[in-house]
Amino acid sequence: MTDAKLPASAGANRKGAALMVGSMTAFTVNDAFMKALGAEWSVSQALFVRGACVVVLMLGFAAALGHLRRGISARDWRLMGFRTLCESVAALLFIGAIFNMPLAEATAILQTLPLTITLAGALILGEKVGWRRWLAILVGFVGVLFIVQPGGDGFSVYSLYAVTAVVLITFRDMASRQMSDRVPSLLVALVGAVGVTIVGAMGLPATAWAPFTPAALFGLGGAVLTVAVAYVFSVAAMRFGDIGFVSPYRYTSLLVSLILGIAIFNEVPGPLTILGALLITATGLYTLFRENRVRPRA
């Protein structure tokens, strides 16, 4: 028997949405730091060093808050282990993708997550999603197709890395949703960071160790701070509110990546990319509007 979750309140949905916005912004800024770090280090070294720093940081916070002493059920540990596996492999694939393709294109592929997570939420968790929200998310997916342009230059082997990461992140978030409320979000994020660090370490023997230049240290510091925030927020976001409501706020990362791509990497989007971004933003705003209309007032 699973721990079924009741429909969330309007307040919980707003909190989940705010956490998702913060998480996606932090993840995207982290991606920019990691992409810049790719000019100095290999994917494995970047994942390992960043992961080790994040683990030390989170371990200190978890110990100070007493989250390491809480009793966790065997079921929650299994879910945490499965979530960590998905998190670790997805991180390896996605970082590999952004090292070798424009940041906005890789992030655009990631925007299929609201559709895959909403589908998984309906099929696995039994969450109700009205046809209007389904339609809005499908229109958003059309916007993603405008950006990705299947069959074009964006769909290289690295695009497939990002697509596979989407599938793994979907399962990761389903596992987060199934955990009981007794499991601290910080502990879940800590275990995930340990997994990512281990995956990075596994690739070190096949790569050359690069020096810690000032540019690398700057990129590493920014990546550590932003990914630590993103880890905690991403876990908490999936545990507040309904998945169908919270998921569209992932679109935040697309807008942030477009801005960072232009400002930092001189990756100017084409007309179809701009059109796709407008479609995705519009459907996200409509989903919020529709949710507020159909949910009974508290």
C-alpha atoms as a PDB file:
ATOM      1  CA  MET A   1       0.000   0.000   0.000  1.00  0.00           C
ATOM      2  CA  THR A   2       1.454   3.344  -1.065  1.00  0.00           C
ATOM      3  CA  ASP A   3       1.297   6.645   0.747  1.00  0.00           C
ATOM      4  CA  ALA A   4      -1.303   8.353  -1.440  1.00  0.00           C
ATOM      5  CA  LYS A   5      -1.299  12.154  -1.349  1.00  0.00           C
ATOM      6  CA  LEU A   6      -4.462  14.248  -1.209  1.00  0.00           C
ATOM      7  CA  PRO A   7      -4.944  17.144  -3.649  1.00  0.00           C
ATOM      8  CA  ALA A   8      -2.878  20.086  -2.494  1.00  0.00           C
ATOM      9  CA  SER A   9      -4.284  23.350  -1.199  1.00  0.00           C
ATOM     10  CA  ALA A  10      -3.946  26.618  -3.109  1.00  0.00           C
ATOM     11  CA  GLY A  11      -1.281  27.738  -0.637  1.00  0.00           C
ATOM     12  CA  ALA A  12       0.723  24.543  -1.123  1.00  0.00           C
ATOM     13  CA  ASN A  13       0.515  24.951  -4.897  1.00  0.00           C
ATOM     14  CA  ARG A  14       1.806  28.512  -4.690  1.00  0.00           C
ATOM     15  CA  LYS A  15       4.665  27.397  -2.452  1.00  0.00           C
ATOM     16  CA  GLY A  16       5.532  24.554  -4.813  1.00  0.00           C
ATOM     17  CA  ALA A  17       5.469  26.939  -7.774  1.00  0.00           C
ATOM     18  CA  ALA A  18       7.783  29.417  -6.032  1.00  0.00           C
ATOM     19  CA  LEU A  19      10.202  26.625  -5.137  1.00  0.00           C
ATOM     20  CA  MET A  20      10.155  25.384  -8.736  1.00  0.00           C
ATOM     21  CA  VAL A  21      10.965  28.860 -10.076  1.00  0.00           C
ATOM     22  CA  GLY A  22      13.860  29.164  -7.639  1.00  0.00           C
ATOM     23  CA  SER A  23      15.073  25.670  -8.431  1.00  0.00           C
ATOM     24  CA  MET A  24      14.990  26.116 -12.202  1.00  0.00           C
ATOM     25  CA  THR A  25      16.717  29.499 -12.021  1.00  0.00           C
ATOM     26  CA  ALA A  26      19.468  28.095  -9.798  1.00  0.00           C
ATOM     27  CA  PHE A  27      19.906  24.996 -11.985  1.00  0.00           C
ATOM     28  CA  THR A  28      20.187  27.104 -15.138  1.00  0.00           C
ATOM     29  CA  VAL A  29      22.726  29.495 -13.612  1.00  0.00           C
ATOM     30  CA  ASN A  30      24.619  26.408 -12.440  1.00  0.00           C
ATOM     31  CA  ASP A  31      24.502  25.040 -16.002  1.00  0.00           C
ATOM     32  CA  ALA A  32      26.058  28.289 -17.233  1.00  0.00           C
ATOM     33  CA  PHE A  33      28.868  28.004 -14.671  1.00  0.00           C
ATOM     34  CA  MET A  34      29.404  24.347 -15.632  1.00  0.00           C
ATOM     35  CA  LYS A  35      29.426  25.145 -19.350  1.00  0.00           C
ATOM     36  CA  ALA A  36      32.102  27.774 -18.722  1.00  0.00           C
ATOM     37  CA  LEU A  37      33.987  25.228 -16.605  1.00  0.00           C
ATOM     38  CA  GLY A  38      33.931  22.875 -19.597  1.00  0.00           C
ATOM     39  CA  ALA A  39      36.611  25.013 -21.222  1.00  0.00           C
ATOM     40  CA  GLU A  40      38.934  24.027 -18.345  1.00  0.00           C
ATOM     41  CA  TRP A  41      37.889  20.551 -17.160  1.00  0.00           C
ATOM     42  CA  SER A  42      36.385  17.278 -18.380  1.00  0.00           C
ATOM     43  CA  VAL A  43      32.769  16.341 -17.544  1.00  0.00           C
ATOM     44  CA  SER A  44      33.922  13.766 -14.969  1.00  0.00           C
ATOM     45  CA  GLN A  45      36.280  16.148 -13.176  1.00  0.00           C
ATOM     46  CA  ALA A  46      33.665  18.902 -13.107  1.00  0.00           C
ATOM     47  CA  LEU A  47      30.998  16.570 -11.693  1.00  0.00           C
ATOM     48  CA  PHE A  48      33.356  15.040  -9.136  1.00  0.00           C
ATOM     49  CA  VAL A  49      34.891  18.252  -7.769  1.00  0.00           C
ATOM     50  CA  ARG A  50      31.595  20.138  -7.741  1.00  0.00           C
ATOM     51  CA  GLY A  51      29.846  17.170  -6.166  1.00  0.00           C
ATOM     52  CA  ALA A  52      32.459  16.748  -3.440  1.00  0.00           C
ATOM     53  CA  CYS A  53      32.171  20.426  -2.486  1.00  0.00           C
ATOM     54  CA  VAL A  54      28.362  20.264  -2.449  1.00  0.00           C
ATOM     55  CA  VAL A  55      28.397  17.110  -0.302  1.00  0.00           C
ATOM     56  CA  VAL A  56      30.631  18.766   2.315  1.00  0.00           C
ATOM     57  CA  LEU A  57      28.414  21.871   2.324  1.00  0.00           C
ATOM     58  CA  MET A  58      25.152  19.940   2.631  1.00  0.00           C
ATOM     59  CA  LEU A  59      26.576  17.509   5.170  1.00  0.00           C
ATOM     60  CA  GLY A  60      27.364  20.395   7.483  1.00  0.00           C
ATOM     61  CA  PHE A  61      23.864  21.828   7.169  1.00  0.00           C
ATOM     62  CA  ALA A  62      22.201  18.420   7.595  1.00  0.00           C
ATOM     63  CA  ALA A  63      24.236  17.658  10.709  1.00  0.00           C
ATOM     64  CA  ALA A  64      23.525  21.082  12.222  1.00  0.00           C
ATOM     65  CA  LEU A  65      19.777  20.688  11.647  1.00  0.00           C
ATOM     66  CA  GLY A  66      19.712  17.146  13.013  1.00  0.00           C
ATOM     67  CA  HIS A  67      18.496  15.644   9.739  1.00  0.00           C
ATOM     68  CA  LEU A  68      21.084  12.861   9.875  1.00  0.00           C
ATOM     69  CA  ARG A  69      19.592  11.428  13.059  1.00  0.00           C
ATOM     70  CA  ARG A  70      16.020  10.975  11.867  1.00  0.00           C
ATOM     71  CA  GLY A  71      14.614   7.481  11.441  1.00  0.00           C
ATOM     72  CA  ILE A  72      13.952   6.693   7.779  1.00  0.00           C
ATOM     73  CA  SER A  73      11.823   3.728   6.726  1.00  0.00           C
ATOM     74  CA  ALA A  74      13.162   1.019   4.426  1.00  0.00           C
ATOM     75  CA  ARG A  75      10.628   2.061   1.779  1.00  0.00           C
ATOM     76  CA  ASP A  76      11.862   5.657   1.815  1.00  0.00           C
ATOM     77  CA  TRP A  77      15.494   4.511   1.577  1.00  0.00           C
ATOM     78  CA  ARG A  78      14.609   2.423  -1.501  1.00  0.00           C
ATOM     79  CA  LEU A  79      12.886   5.402  -3.101  1.00  0.00           C
ATOM     80  CA  MET A  80      15.847   7.614  -2.211  1.00  0.00           C
ATOM     81  CA  GLY A  81      18.249   5.113  -3.744  1.00  0.00           C
ATOM     82  CA  PHE A  82      16.242   4.918  -6.968  1.00  0.00           C
ATOM     83  CA  ARG A  83      15.965   8.699  -7.079  1.00  0.00           C
ATOM     84  CA  THR A  84      19.723   9.066  -6.573  1.00  0.00           C
ATOM     85  CA  LEU A  85      20.485   6.651  -9.410  1.00  0.00           C
ATOM     86  CA  CYS A  86      18.258   8.615 -11.790  1.00  0.00           C
ATOM     87  CA  GLU A  87      19.684  11.928 -10.571  1.00  0.00           C
ATOM     88  CA  SER A  88      23.292  10.817 -11.014  1.00  0.00           C
ATOM     89  CA  VAL A  89      23.016   9.417 -14.540  1.00  0.00           C
ATOM     90  CA  ALA A  90      20.830  12.336 -15.658  1.00  0.00           C
ATOM     91  CA  ALA A  91      23.433  14.814 -14.359  1.00  0.00           C
ATOM     92  CA  LEU A  92      26.209  13.042 -16.271  1.00  0.00           C
ATOM     93  CA  LEU A  93      24.214  13.065 -19.512  1.00  0.00           C
ATOM     94  CA  PHE A  94      22.947  16.616 -19.263  1.00  0.00           C
ATOM     95  CA  ILE A  95      26.292  18.143 -18.296  1.00  0.00           C
ATOM     96  CA  GLY A  96      27.809  16.244 -21.211  1.00  0.00           C
ATOM     97  CA  ALA A  97      25.143  17.795 -23.445  1.00  0.00           C
ATOM     98  CA  ILE A  98      25.682  21.417 -22.356  1.00  0.00           C
ATOM     99  CA  PHE A  99      29.458  21.005 -22.715  1.00  0.00           C
ATOM    100  CA  ASN A 100      28.903  20.327 -26.422  1.00  0.00           C
ATOM    101  CA  MET A 101      25.789  22.255 -27.532  1.00  0.00           C
ATOM    102  CA  PRO A 102      24.197  25.690 -26.977  1.00  0.00           C
ATOM    103  CA  LEU A 103      22.808  26.152 -23.471  1.00  0.00           C
ATOM    104  CA  ALA A 104      19.372  27.279 -24.669  1.00  0.00           C
ATOM    105  CA  GLU A 105      18.958  24.257 -26.964  1.00  0.00           C
ATOM    106  CA  ALA A 106      19.827  21.769 -24.229  1.00  0.00           C
ATOM    107  CA  THR A 107      17.499  23.571 -21.820  1.00  0.00           C
ATOM    108  CA  ALA A 108      14.740  23.585 -24.442  1.00  0.00           C
ATOM    109  CA  ILE A 109      14.865  19.802 -24.684  1.00  0.00           C
ATOM    110  CA  LEU A 110      14.502  19.729 -20.902  1.00  0.00           C
ATOM    111  CA  GLN A 111      11.209  21.605 -21.250  1.00  0.00           C
ATOM    112  CA  THR A 112       9.449  18.388 -22.258  1.00  0.00           C
ATOM    113  CA  LEU A 113       9.502  17.578 -18.523  1.00  0.00           C
ATOM    114  CA  PRO A 114       6.135  19.221 -17.701  1.00  0.00           C
ATOM    115  CA  LEU A 115       4.460  16.938 -20.221  1.00  0.00           C
ATOM    116  CA  THR A 116       6.241  13.766 -19.122  1.00  0.00           C
ATOM    117  CA  ILE A 117       5.816  14.534 -15.413  1.00  0.00           C
ATOM    118  CA  THR A 118       2.128  15.404 -15.795  1.00  0.00           C
ATOM    119  CA  LEU A 119       1.581  12.152 -17.688  1.00  0.00           C
ATOM    120  CA  ALA A 120       3.438  10.192 -15.021  1.00  0.00           C
ATOM    121  CA  GLY A 121       1.532  11.982 -12.265  1.00  0.00           C
ATOM    122  CA  ALA A 122      -1.791  11.056 -13.859  1.00  0.00           C
ATOM    123  CA  LEU A 123      -0.849   7.420 -14.573  1.00  0.00           C
ATOM    124  CA  ILE A 124       1.171   6.628 -11.444  1.00  0.00           C
ATOM    125  CA  LEU A 125      -0.191   8.926  -8.740  1.00  0.00           C
ATOM    126  CA  GLY A 126      -3.731   9.377 -10.014  1.00  0.00           C
ATOM    127  CA  GLU A 127      -3.594  13.174 -10.016  1.00  0.00           C
ATOM    128  CA  LYS A 128      -6.380  14.873 -11.928  1.00  0.00           C
ATOM    129  CA  VAL A 129      -5.447  17.113 -14.852  1.00  0.00           C
ATOM    130  CA  GLY A 130      -8.202  18.843 -16.820  1.00  0.00           C
ATOM    131  CA  TRP A 131      -8.268  18.904 -20.607  1.00  0.00           C
ATOM    132  CA  ARG A 132      -7.477  22.627 -20.694  1.00  0.00           C
ATOM    133  CA  ARG A 133      -4.241  22.142 -18.798  1.00  0.00           C
ATOM    134  CA  TRP A 134      -3.402  19.151 -20.989  1.00  0.00           C
ATOM    135  CA  LEU A 135      -3.977  21.321 -24.068  1.00  0.00           C
ATOM    136  CA  ALA A 136      -1.861  24.146 -22.657  1.00  0.00           C
ATOM    137  CA  ILE A 137       1.042  21.778 -21.957  1.00  0.00           C
ATOM    138  CA  LEU A 138       0.745  20.217 -25.416  1.00  0.00           C
ATOM    139  CA  VAL A 139       0.899  23.661 -27.008  1.00  0.00           C
ATOM    140  CA  GLY A 140       3.967  24.316 -24.882  1.00  0.00           C
ATOM    141  CA  PHE A 141       5.482  21.125 -26.253  1.00  0.00           C
ATOM    142  CA  VAL A 142       4.913  22.446 -29.790  1.00  0.00           C
ATOM    143  CA  GLY A 143       6.894  25.500 -28.702  1.00  0.00           C
ATOM    144  CA  VAL A 144       9.709  23.205 -27.584  1.00  0.00           C
ATOM    145  CA  LEU A 145       9.699  21.551 -31.014  1.00  0.00           C
ATOM    146  CA  PHE A 146      10.125  24.959 -32.632  1.00  0.00           C
ATOM    147  CA  ILE A 147      13.243  25.471 -30.526  1.00  0.00           C
ATOM    148  CA  VAL A 148      14.717  21.975 -30.855  1.00  0.00           C
ATOM    149  CA  GLN A 149      13.839  21.636 -34.574  1.00  0.00           C
ATOM    150  CA  PRO A 150      14.082  17.826 -34.875  1.00  0.00           C
ATOM    151  CA  GLY A 151      16.273  16.784 -37.773  1.00  0.00           C
ATOM    152  CA  GLY A 152      18.320  19.982 -37.582  1.00  0.00           C
ATOM    153  CA  ASP A 153      21.737  20.638 -36.135  1.00  0.00           C
ATOM    154  CA  GLY A 154      20.347  20.596 -32.592  1.00  0.00           C
ATOM    155  CA  PHE A 155      19.527  16.895 -32.784  1.00  0.00           C
ATOM    156  CA  SER A 156      23.038  15.527 -32.529  1.00  0.00           C
ATOM    157  CA  VAL A 157      24.066  12.707 -30.235  1.00  0.00           C
ATOM    158  CA  TYR A 158      24.275  15.309 -27.464  1.00  0.00           C
ATOM    159  CA  SER A 159      20.613  16.137 -28.018  1.00  0.00           C
ATOM    160  CA  LEU A 160      19.893  12.471 -27.351  1.00  0.00           C
ATOM    161  CA  TYR A 161      21.867  12.790 -24.108  1.00  0.00           C
ATOM    162  CA  ALA A 162      19.469  15.544 -23.045  1.00  0.00           C
ATOM    163  CA  VAL A 163      16.399  13.542 -24.108  1.00  0.00           C
ATOM    164  CA  THR A 164      17.545  10.548 -22.034  1.00  0.00           C
ATOM    165  CA  ALA A 165      18.145  12.878 -19.095  1.00  0.00           C
ATOM    166  CA  VAL A 166      14.499  14.006 -19.379  1.00  0.00           C
ATOM    167  CA  VAL A 167      13.286  10.431 -18.945  1.00  0.00           C
ATOM    168  CA  LEU A 168      15.514   9.876 -15.920  1.00  0.00           C
ATOM    169  CA  ILE A 169      14.509  13.157 -14.283  1.00  0.00           C
ATOM    170  CA  THR A 170      10.852  12.208 -14.712  1.00  0.00           C
ATOM    171  CA  PHE A 171      11.410   9.008 -12.726  1.00  0.00           C
ATOM    172  CA  ARG A 172      13.503  10.944 -10.211  1.00  0.00           C
ATOM    173  CA  ASP A 173      10.661  13.351  -9.514  1.00  0.00           C
ATOM    174  CA  MET A 174       8.145  10.517  -9.241  1.00  0.00           C
ATOM    175  CA  ALA A 175      10.328   8.941  -6.554  1.00  0.00           C
ATOM    176  CA  SER A 176      10.546  12.285  -4.714  1.00  0.00           C
ATOM    177  CA  ARG A 177       6.765  12.543  -4.789  1.00  0.00           C
ATOM    178  CA  GLN A 178       6.285   9.067  -3.313  1.00  0.00           C
ATOM    179  CA  MET A 179       8.488   9.660  -0.263  1.00  0.00           C
ATOM    180  CA  SER A 180       6.822  10.257   3.072  1.00  0.00           C
ATOM    181  CA  ASP A 181       6.865  13.700   4.667  1.00  0.00           C
ATOM    182  CA  ARG A 182       9.149  12.351   7.412  1.00  0.00           C
ATOM    183  CA  VAL A 183      12.127  12.408   5.051  1.00  0.00           C
ATOM    184  CA  PRO A 184      13.892  15.815   5.172  1.00  0.00           C
ATOM    185  CA  SER A 185      14.373  17.418   1.753  1.00  0.00           C
ATOM    186  CA  LEU A 186      17.945  18.302   2.701  1.00  0.00           C
ATOM    187  CA  LEU A 187      18.773  14.645   3.354  1.00  0.00           C
ATOM    188  CA  VAL A 188      17.317  13.622  -0.019  1.00  0.00           C
ATOM    189  CA  ALA A 189      19.367  16.310  -1.740  1.00  0.00           C
ATOM    190  CA  LEU A 190      22.501  15.242   0.159  1.00  0.00           C
ATOM    191  CA  VAL A 191      22.145  11.614  -0.907  1.00  0.00           C
ATOM    192  CA  GLY A 192      21.593  12.762  -4.499  1.00  0.00           C
ATOM    193  CA  ALA A 193      24.743  14.874  -4.387  1.00  0.00           C
ATOM    194  CA  VAL A 194      26.727  11.882  -3.104  1.00  0.00           C
ATOM    195  CA  GLY A 195      25.467   9.825  -6.039  1.00  0.00           C
ATOM    196  CA  VAL A 196      26.459  12.480  -8.587  1.00  0.00           C
ATOM    197  CA  THR A 197      29.929  12.708  -7.013  1.00  0.00           C
ATOM    198  CA  ILE A 198      30.389   8.941  -7.258  1.00  0.00           C
ATOM    199  CA  VAL A 199      29.361   8.921 -10.925  1.00  0.00           C
ATOM    200  CA  GLY A 200      31.853  11.711 -11.621  1.00  0.00           C
ATOM    201  CA  ALA A 201      34.611   9.794  -9.807  1.00  0.00           C
ATOM    202  CA  MET A 202      33.942   6.691 -11.918  1.00  0.00           C
ATOM    203  CA  GLY A 203      34.931   8.593 -15.060  1.00  0.00           C
ATOM    204  CA  LEU A 204      38.149  10.096 -13.692  1.00  0.00           C
ATOM    205  CA  PRO A 205      40.480   7.208 -14.682  1.00  0.00           C
ATOM    206  CA  ALA A 206      39.579   7.749 -18.336  1.00  0.00           C
ATOM    207  CA  THR A 207      40.299  11.496 -18.333  1.00  0.00           C
ATOM    208  CA  ALA A 208      43.298  13.732 -17.668  1.00  0.00           C
ATOM    209  CA  TRP A 209      43.233  15.773 -14.443  1.00  0.00           C
ATOM    210  CA  ALA A 210      43.215  19.499 -15.293  1.00  0.00           C
ATOM    211  CA  PRO A 211      44.743  22.235 -13.070  1.00  0.00           C
ATOM    212  CA  PHE A 212      42.746  24.569 -10.801  1.00  0.00           C
ATOM    213  CA  THR A 213      43.152  27.846 -12.671  1.00  0.00           C
ATOM    214  CA  PRO A 214      41.528  31.095 -11.406  1.00  0.00           C
ATOM    215  CA  ALA A 215      38.840  30.750 -14.089  1.00  0.00           C
ATOM    216  CA  ALA A 216      38.143  27.167 -13.029  1.00  0.00           C
ATOM    217  CA  LEU A 217      37.924  28.136  -9.360  1.00  0.00           C
ATOM    218  CA  PHE A 218      35.463  30.928 -10.165  1.00  0.00           C
ATOM    219  CA  GLY A 219      33.277  28.585 -12.202  1.00  0.00           C
ATOM    220  CA  LEU A 220      33.487  25.918  -9.520  1.00  0.00           C
ATOM    221  CA  GLY A 221      32.485  28.315  -6.729  1.00  0.00           C
ATOM    222  CA  GLY A 222      29.463  29.571  -8.651  1.00  0.00           C
ATOM    223  CA  ALA A 223      28.427  26.044  -9.619  1.00  0.00           C
ATOM    224  CA  VAL A 224      28.677  24.746  -6.046  1.00  0.00           C
ATOM    225  CA  LEU A 225      26.554  27.524  -4.545  1.00  0.00           C
ATOM    226  CA  THR A 226      23.847  27.431  -7.207  1.00  0.00           C
ATOM    227  CA  VAL A 227      23.549  23.647  -7.443  1.00  0.00           C
ATOM    228  CA  ALA A 228      23.274  23.339  -3.641  1.00  0.00           C
ATOM    229  CA  VAL A 229      20.292  25.698  -3.675  1.00  0.00           C
ATOM    230  CA  ALA A 230      18.835  23.975  -6.739  1.00  0.00           C
ATOM    231  CA  TYR A 231      19.075  20.490  -5.190  1.00  0.00           C
ATOM    232  CA  VAL A 232      17.133  21.438  -2.068  1.00  0.00           C
ATOM    233  CA  PHE A 233      14.528  23.509  -3.910  1.00  0.00           C
ATOM    234  CA  SER A 234      13.933  20.830  -6.566  1.00  0.00           C
ATOM    235  CA  VAL A 235      13.202  18.157  -3.951  1.00  0.00           C
ATOM    236  CA  ALA A 236      10.918  20.444  -1.963  1.00  0.00           C
ATOM    237  CA  ALA A 237       9.078  21.680  -5.084  1.00  0.00           C
ATOM    238  CA  MET A 238       7.917  18.182  -6.007  1.00  0.00           C
ATOM    239  CA  ARG A 239       6.619  17.595  -2.481  1.00  0.00           C
ATOM    240  CA  PHE A 240       4.359  20.660  -2.356  1.00  0.00           C
ATOM    241  CA  GLY A 241       1.339  21.078  -4.575  1.00  0.00           C
ATOM    242  CA  ASP A 242       0.016  19.009  -7.462  1.00  0.00           C
ATOM    243  CA  ILE A 243       2.517  17.922 -10.091  1.00  0.00           C
ATOM    244  CA  GLY A 244       0.285  19.167 -12.906  1.00  0.00           C
ATOM    245  CA  PHE A 245       0.328  22.657 -11.351  1.00  0.00           C
ATOM    246  CA  VAL A 246       3.966  22.862 -10.249  1.00  0.00           C
ATOM    247  CA  SER A 247       5.579  21.361 -13.370  1.00  0.00           C
ATOM    248  CA  PRO A 248       4.852  24.214 -15.840  1.00  0.00           C
ATOM    249  CA  TYR A 249       7.068  26.507 -13.767  1.00  0.00           C
ATOM    250  CA  ARG A 250      10.041  24.593 -15.158  1.00  0.00           C
ATOM    251  CA  TYR A 251       9.639  26.944 -18.123  1.00  0.00           C
ATOM    252  CA  THR A 252      11.549  29.490 -16.050  1.00  0.00           C
ATOM    253  CA  SER A 253      14.777  27.722 -16.958  1.00  0.00           C
ATOM    254  CA  LEU A 254      14.149  28.275 -20.675  1.00  0.00           C
ATOM    255  CA  LEU A 255      13.850  32.029 -20.269  1.00  0.00           C
ATOM    256  CA  VAL A 256      16.904  32.195 -18.004  1.00  0.00           C
ATOM    257  CA  SER A 257      18.970  30.066 -20.408  1.00  0.00           C
ATOM    258  CA  LEU A 258      18.059  32.291 -23.360  1.00  0.00           C
ATOM    259  CA  ILE A 259      19.233  35.357 -21.432  1.00  0.00           C
ATOM    260  CA  LEU A 260      22.462  33.713 -20.241  1.00  0.00           C
ATOM    261  CA  GLY A 261      23.154  32.255 -23.673  1.00  0.00           C
ATOM    262  CA  ILE A 262      23.025  35.704 -25.260  1.00  0.00           C
ATOM    263  CA  ALA A 263      24.798  37.607 -22.488  1.00  0.00           C
ATOM    264  CA  ILE A 264      27.619  35.159 -21.710  1.00  0.00           C
ATOM    265  CA  PHE A 265      28.095  32.732 -24.601  1.00  0.00           C
ATOM    266  CA  ASN A 266      26.947  34.953 -27.506  1.00  0.00           C
ATOM    267  CA  GLU A 267      24.389  32.304 -28.514  1.00  0.00           C
ATOM    268  CA  VAL A 268      21.782  34.419 -30.297  1.00  0.00           C
ATOM    269  CA  PRO A 269      18.483  32.519 -30.771  1.00  0.00           C
ATOM    270  CA  GLY A 270      16.843  32.346 -34.180  1.00  0.00           C
ATOM    271  CA  PRO A 271      13.235  33.296 -35.032  1.00  0.00           C
ATOM    272  CA  LEU A 272      11.872  29.794 -34.355  1.00  0.00           C
ATOM    273  CA  THR A 273      13.587  29.714 -30.972  1.00  0.00           C
ATOM    274  CA  ILE A 274      11.991  33.036 -30.036  1.00  0.00           C
ATOM    275  CA  LEU A 275       8.576  31.836 -31.250  1.00  0.00           C
ATOM    276  CA  GLY A 276       8.911  28.636 -29.254  1.00  0.00           C
ATOM    277  CA  ALA A 277       9.892  30.565 -26.128  1.00  0.00           C
ATOM    278  CA  LEU A 278       6.816  32.793 -26.483  1.00  0.00           C
ATOM    279  CA  LEU A 279       4.536  29.766 -26.857  1.00  0.00           C
ATOM    280  CA  ILE A 280       6.041  28.074 -23.815  1.00  0.00           C
ATOM    281  CA  THR A 281       5.743  31.204 -21.684  1.00  0.00           C
ATOM    282  CA  ALA A 282       2.140  31.800 -22.765  1.00  0.00           C
ATOM    283  CA  THR A 283       1.060  28.255 -21.952  1.00  0.00           C
ATOM    284  CA  GLY A 284       2.736  28.422 -18.559  1.00  0.00           C
ATOM    285  CA  LEU A 285       0.869  31.630 -17.704  1.00  0.00           C
ATOM    286  CA  TYR A 286      -2.416  30.174 -18.967  1.00  0.00           C
ATOM    287  CA  THR A 287      -1.938  27.063 -16.829  1.00  0.00           C
ATOM    288  CA  LEU A 288      -1.536  29.264 -13.745  1.00  0.00           C
ATOM    289  CA  PHE A 289      -4.638  31.275 -14.679  1.00  0.00           C
ATOM    290  CA  ARG A 290      -6.701  28.142 -15.299  1.00  0.00           C
ATOM    291  CA  GLU A 291      -5.618  26.518 -12.041  1.00  0.00           C
ATOM    292  CA  ASN A 292      -6.726  29.564 -10.063  1.00  0.00           C
ATOM    293  CA  ARG A 293     -10.108  29.524 -11.816  1.00  0.00           C
ATOM    294  CA  VAL A 294     -10.967  25.863 -11.283  1.00  0.00           C
ATOM    295  CA  ARG A 295      -9.656  25.436  -7.709  1.00  0.00           C
ATOM    296  CA  PRO A 296     -12.292  26.206  -5.041  1.00  0.00           C
ATOM    297  CA  ARG A 297     -11.429  29.152  -2.815  1.00  0.00           C
ATOM    298  CA  ALA A 298     -10.171  28.239   0.636  1.00  0.00           C
END
